[in-house]
N, C-alpha and C. Protein backbone atom coordinates (compact mmCIF):
# COMPACT_ATOMS: atom_id res chain seq x y z
N MET A 1 23.62 8.88 44.12
CA MET A 1 22.69 7.81 43.83
C MET A 1 22.50 7.73 42.32
N GLY A 2 22.68 6.58 41.74
CA GLY A 2 22.57 6.40 40.30
C GLY A 2 21.19 5.94 39.87
N THR A 3 21.06 5.73 38.58
CA THR A 3 19.80 5.26 38.03
C THR A 3 19.59 3.79 38.36
N PHE A 4 18.36 3.40 38.46
CA PHE A 4 18.02 2.01 38.71
C PHE A 4 17.61 1.31 37.42
N HIS A 5 17.85 1.96 36.28
CA HIS A 5 17.39 1.43 35.01
C HIS A 5 18.54 1.16 34.05
N ASP A 6 19.71 0.86 34.55
CA ASP A 6 20.86 0.60 33.69
C ASP A 6 20.61 -0.51 32.69
N ASN A 7 19.77 -1.44 33.03
CA ASN A 7 19.49 -2.58 32.16
C ASN A 7 18.57 -2.23 30.99
N LEU A 8 18.03 -1.02 30.94
CA LEU A 8 17.09 -0.64 29.89
C LEU A 8 17.74 0.10 28.72
N GLY A 9 19.03 0.34 28.80
CA GLY A 9 19.76 0.94 27.68
C GLY A 9 19.96 2.43 27.82
N GLU A 10 20.84 2.95 26.98
CA GLU A 10 21.22 4.37 27.06
C GLU A 10 20.12 5.32 26.65
N LEU A 11 19.10 4.85 25.91
CA LEU A 11 18.02 5.73 25.46
C LEU A 11 16.86 5.79 26.45
N HIS A 12 16.94 5.05 27.54
CA HIS A 12 15.85 5.03 28.52
C HIS A 12 15.56 6.46 29.01
N GLY A 13 14.30 6.86 28.86
CA GLY A 13 13.87 8.18 29.32
C GLY A 13 14.09 9.31 28.34
N ILE A 14 14.69 9.03 27.19
CA ILE A 14 15.01 10.05 26.19
C ILE A 14 13.89 10.10 25.13
N THR A 15 13.55 11.30 24.68
CA THR A 15 12.58 11.43 23.59
C THR A 15 13.28 11.08 22.28
N VAL A 16 12.72 10.09 21.59
CA VAL A 16 13.33 9.59 20.37
C VAL A 16 12.33 9.54 19.23
N VAL A 17 12.89 9.40 18.03
CA VAL A 17 12.11 9.15 16.82
C VAL A 17 12.43 7.75 16.36
N VAL A 18 11.40 6.94 16.20
CA VAL A 18 11.57 5.62 15.62
C VAL A 18 11.00 5.68 14.21
N ASP A 19 11.84 5.42 13.22
CA ASP A 19 11.37 5.30 11.84
C ASP A 19 11.12 3.82 11.59
N THR A 20 10.03 3.52 10.87
CA THR A 20 9.65 2.13 10.64
C THR A 20 9.75 1.76 9.17
N VAL A 21 9.70 0.46 8.92
CA VAL A 21 9.74 -0.03 7.55
C VAL A 21 8.50 0.39 6.77
N ASN A 22 7.44 0.81 7.45
CA ASN A 22 6.21 1.28 6.82
C ASN A 22 6.22 2.78 6.58
N ASP A 23 7.40 3.42 6.72
CA ASP A 23 7.56 4.87 6.53
C ASP A 23 6.79 5.68 7.57
N GLN A 24 6.53 5.10 8.74
CA GLN A 24 5.93 5.84 9.84
C GLN A 24 7.02 6.40 10.73
N GLN A 25 6.67 7.47 11.44
CA GLN A 25 7.55 8.03 12.45
C GLN A 25 6.80 7.95 13.78
N ILE A 26 7.49 7.46 14.80
CA ILE A 26 6.91 7.37 16.13
C ILE A 26 7.80 8.21 17.04
N VAL A 27 7.18 9.18 17.72
CA VAL A 27 7.92 10.05 18.63
C VAL A 27 7.38 9.80 20.03
N GLY A 28 8.29 9.56 20.95
CA GLY A 28 7.89 9.34 22.33
C GLY A 28 9.11 9.14 23.21
N ARG A 29 8.83 8.84 24.46
CA ARG A 29 9.89 8.61 25.44
C ARG A 29 10.26 7.14 25.41
N CYS A 30 11.51 6.87 25.14
CA CYS A 30 11.99 5.50 25.04
C CYS A 30 12.06 4.88 26.43
N HIS A 31 11.43 3.75 26.58
CA HIS A 31 11.55 2.99 27.82
C HIS A 31 12.65 1.95 27.68
N GLU A 32 12.61 1.23 26.57
CA GLU A 32 13.61 0.18 26.34
C GLU A 32 13.79 -0.04 24.85
N ALA A 33 15.03 -0.20 24.43
CA ALA A 33 15.35 -0.55 23.05
C ALA A 33 16.25 -1.78 23.10
N SER A 34 15.71 -2.91 22.67
CA SER A 34 16.47 -4.16 22.70
C SER A 34 16.51 -4.76 21.31
N ASP A 35 17.11 -5.92 21.18
CA ASP A 35 17.14 -6.62 19.90
C ASP A 35 15.77 -7.19 19.55
N VAL A 36 14.87 -7.24 20.51
CA VAL A 36 13.54 -7.83 20.31
C VAL A 36 12.50 -6.76 20.00
N HIS A 37 12.54 -5.65 20.73
CA HIS A 37 11.51 -4.63 20.57
C HIS A 37 12.00 -3.27 21.06
N VAL A 38 11.18 -2.26 20.74
CA VAL A 38 11.36 -0.93 21.30
C VAL A 38 10.05 -0.63 22.02
N ILE A 39 10.16 -0.25 23.28
CA ILE A 39 8.99 0.13 24.06
C ILE A 39 9.06 1.63 24.30
N MET A 40 7.96 2.31 23.96
CA MET A 40 7.91 3.76 24.10
C MET A 40 6.70 4.15 24.92
N HIS A 41 6.85 5.24 25.68
CA HIS A 41 5.76 5.80 26.47
C HIS A 41 5.40 7.17 25.92
N ASP A 42 4.13 7.53 26.12
CA ASP A 42 3.63 8.86 25.72
C ASP A 42 4.01 9.16 24.28
N ALA A 43 3.58 8.28 23.38
CA ALA A 43 4.02 8.32 21.99
C ALA A 43 2.92 8.78 21.04
N ASP A 44 3.37 9.29 19.91
CA ASP A 44 2.49 9.66 18.80
C ASP A 44 3.07 9.04 17.54
N VAL A 45 2.19 8.72 16.60
CA VAL A 45 2.59 8.08 15.35
C VAL A 45 2.17 8.95 14.19
N ASN A 46 3.09 9.19 13.27
CA ASN A 46 2.77 9.88 12.03
C ASN A 46 2.92 8.89 10.88
N ASP A 47 1.86 8.74 10.12
CA ASP A 47 1.89 7.95 8.89
C ASP A 47 1.60 8.92 7.75
N PRO A 48 2.64 9.36 7.04
CA PRO A 48 2.44 10.36 5.99
C PRO A 48 1.38 9.98 4.96
N ALA A 49 1.22 8.69 4.70
CA ALA A 49 0.22 8.26 3.73
C ALA A 49 -1.20 8.57 4.22
N ASP A 50 -1.42 8.51 5.53
CA ASP A 50 -2.74 8.80 6.10
C ASP A 50 -2.90 10.27 6.48
N SER A 51 -1.86 10.86 7.05
CA SER A 51 -1.98 12.22 7.59
C SER A 51 -1.75 13.30 6.55
N GLY A 52 -0.99 12.98 5.50
CA GLY A 52 -0.63 13.99 4.53
C GLY A 52 0.48 14.91 5.02
N VAL A 53 1.05 14.60 6.18
CA VAL A 53 2.12 15.39 6.78
C VAL A 53 3.44 14.67 6.53
N SER A 54 4.37 15.33 5.87
CA SER A 54 5.66 14.69 5.56
C SER A 54 6.45 14.41 6.83
N ARG A 55 7.40 13.53 6.72
CA ARG A 55 8.28 13.18 7.84
C ARG A 55 8.95 14.43 8.39
N ASP A 56 9.57 15.22 7.51
CA ASP A 56 10.30 16.40 7.96
C ASP A 56 9.39 17.44 8.61
N GLU A 57 8.21 17.64 8.05
CA GLU A 57 7.27 18.60 8.63
C GLU A 57 6.82 18.13 10.02
N TYR A 58 6.49 16.86 10.13
CA TYR A 58 6.05 16.30 11.41
C TYR A 58 7.14 16.41 12.47
N LEU A 59 8.36 16.04 12.10
CA LEU A 59 9.45 16.05 13.08
C LEU A 59 9.89 17.47 13.43
N THR A 60 9.78 18.39 12.50
CA THR A 60 10.08 19.79 12.80
C THR A 60 9.10 20.32 13.85
N ARG A 61 7.83 20.01 13.66
CA ARG A 61 6.82 20.42 14.65
C ARG A 61 7.04 19.73 15.99
N ALA A 62 7.37 18.42 15.95
CA ALA A 62 7.59 17.67 17.18
C ALA A 62 8.78 18.24 17.96
N ALA A 63 9.83 18.62 17.24
CA ALA A 63 11.02 19.17 17.90
C ALA A 63 10.72 20.54 18.50
N LYS A 64 9.86 21.30 17.85
CA LYS A 64 9.56 22.65 18.32
C LYS A 64 8.51 22.66 19.43
N TRP A 65 7.45 21.87 19.28
CA TRP A 65 6.30 21.95 20.17
C TRP A 65 6.03 20.67 20.97
N GLY A 66 6.70 19.58 20.65
CA GLY A 66 6.37 18.30 21.26
C GLY A 66 5.24 17.62 20.50
N VAL A 67 4.77 16.51 21.02
CA VAL A 67 3.67 15.79 20.38
C VAL A 67 2.54 15.60 21.38
N PHE A 68 1.35 15.40 20.86
CA PHE A 68 0.22 15.03 21.69
C PHE A 68 0.23 13.50 21.77
N PRO A 69 0.56 12.95 22.93
CA PRO A 69 0.69 11.49 23.02
C PRO A 69 -0.66 10.79 22.91
N LYS A 70 -0.80 10.02 21.86
CA LYS A 70 -2.04 9.26 21.64
C LYS A 70 -1.92 7.83 22.15
N HIS A 71 -0.70 7.43 22.53
CA HIS A 71 -0.47 6.08 23.03
C HIS A 71 0.33 6.16 24.33
N LYS A 72 -0.24 5.64 25.40
CA LYS A 72 0.47 5.65 26.68
C LYS A 72 1.71 4.76 26.58
N THR A 73 1.58 3.61 25.95
CA THR A 73 2.70 2.69 25.75
C THR A 73 2.56 2.03 24.39
N LEU A 74 3.67 1.97 23.65
CA LEU A 74 3.72 1.25 22.37
C LEU A 74 4.88 0.28 22.39
N ARG A 75 4.66 -0.89 21.86
CA ARG A 75 5.73 -1.87 21.68
C ARG A 75 5.88 -2.09 20.18
N ILE A 76 7.07 -1.82 19.67
CA ILE A 76 7.33 -1.96 18.24
C ILE A 76 8.34 -3.10 18.08
N ALA A 77 7.96 -4.11 17.31
CA ALA A 77 8.88 -5.22 17.05
C ALA A 77 10.12 -4.68 16.35
N ARG A 78 11.28 -5.12 16.78
CA ARG A 78 12.54 -4.58 16.26
C ARG A 78 12.68 -4.75 14.74
N GLU A 79 12.09 -5.81 14.19
CA GLU A 79 12.21 -6.00 12.74
C GLU A 79 11.43 -4.96 11.95
N HIS A 80 10.56 -4.19 12.62
CA HIS A 80 9.81 -3.11 11.96
C HIS A 80 10.52 -1.77 12.08
N VAL A 81 11.61 -1.72 12.85
CA VAL A 81 12.34 -0.47 13.11
C VAL A 81 13.51 -0.33 12.14
N THR A 82 13.58 0.83 11.46
CA THR A 82 14.74 1.08 10.61
C THR A 82 15.78 1.91 11.33
N THR A 83 15.35 2.94 12.10
CA THR A 83 16.29 3.75 12.87
C THR A 83 15.63 4.23 14.16
N ILE A 84 16.49 4.49 15.13
CA ILE A 84 16.08 5.16 16.37
C ILE A 84 17.05 6.32 16.56
N THR A 85 16.49 7.53 16.67
CA THR A 85 17.31 8.74 16.79
C THR A 85 16.77 9.61 17.90
N ARG A 86 17.66 10.18 18.68
CA ARG A 86 17.22 11.17 19.67
C ARG A 86 16.61 12.35 18.92
N LEU A 87 15.46 12.79 19.34
CA LEU A 87 14.77 13.88 18.65
C LEU A 87 15.65 15.12 18.59
N ASN A 88 16.36 15.42 19.66
CA ASN A 88 17.18 16.63 19.67
C ASN A 88 18.45 16.53 18.83
N GLU A 89 18.73 15.38 18.26
CA GLU A 89 19.90 15.22 17.40
C GLU A 89 19.58 15.29 15.92
N LEU A 90 18.31 15.42 15.56
CA LEU A 90 17.94 15.49 14.16
C LEU A 90 18.29 16.85 13.57
N ASP A 91 18.78 16.84 12.35
CA ASP A 91 19.05 18.09 11.63
C ASP A 91 17.83 18.36 10.76
N LEU A 92 16.99 19.27 11.20
CA LEU A 92 15.73 19.57 10.51
C LEU A 92 15.77 20.94 9.82
N THR A 93 16.97 21.45 9.59
CA THR A 93 17.12 22.78 9.00
C THR A 93 17.12 22.76 7.48
N ALA A 94 17.26 21.62 6.88
CA ALA A 94 17.37 21.54 5.41
C ALA A 94 16.07 21.82 4.72
């Protein structure tokens, strides 16, 4: 029996990092990534300008411990997204 979500893309159900044009990082479970938007579930947002936590520090912690999801669902307009990366594929050793 296969998945019933083939239409939602290869990242469906995967924990990803969305980097935005505002230098924010959003970590959560990808529901859908399309040309229009990215929809994420159980997500957290890091804004280094507000939190004082650098991108690398935040993502290192997220990869090691996970995130406390502050948003059940987030919709990010695709024009605000610079990259989408699987969290487990990031090289955070540098």
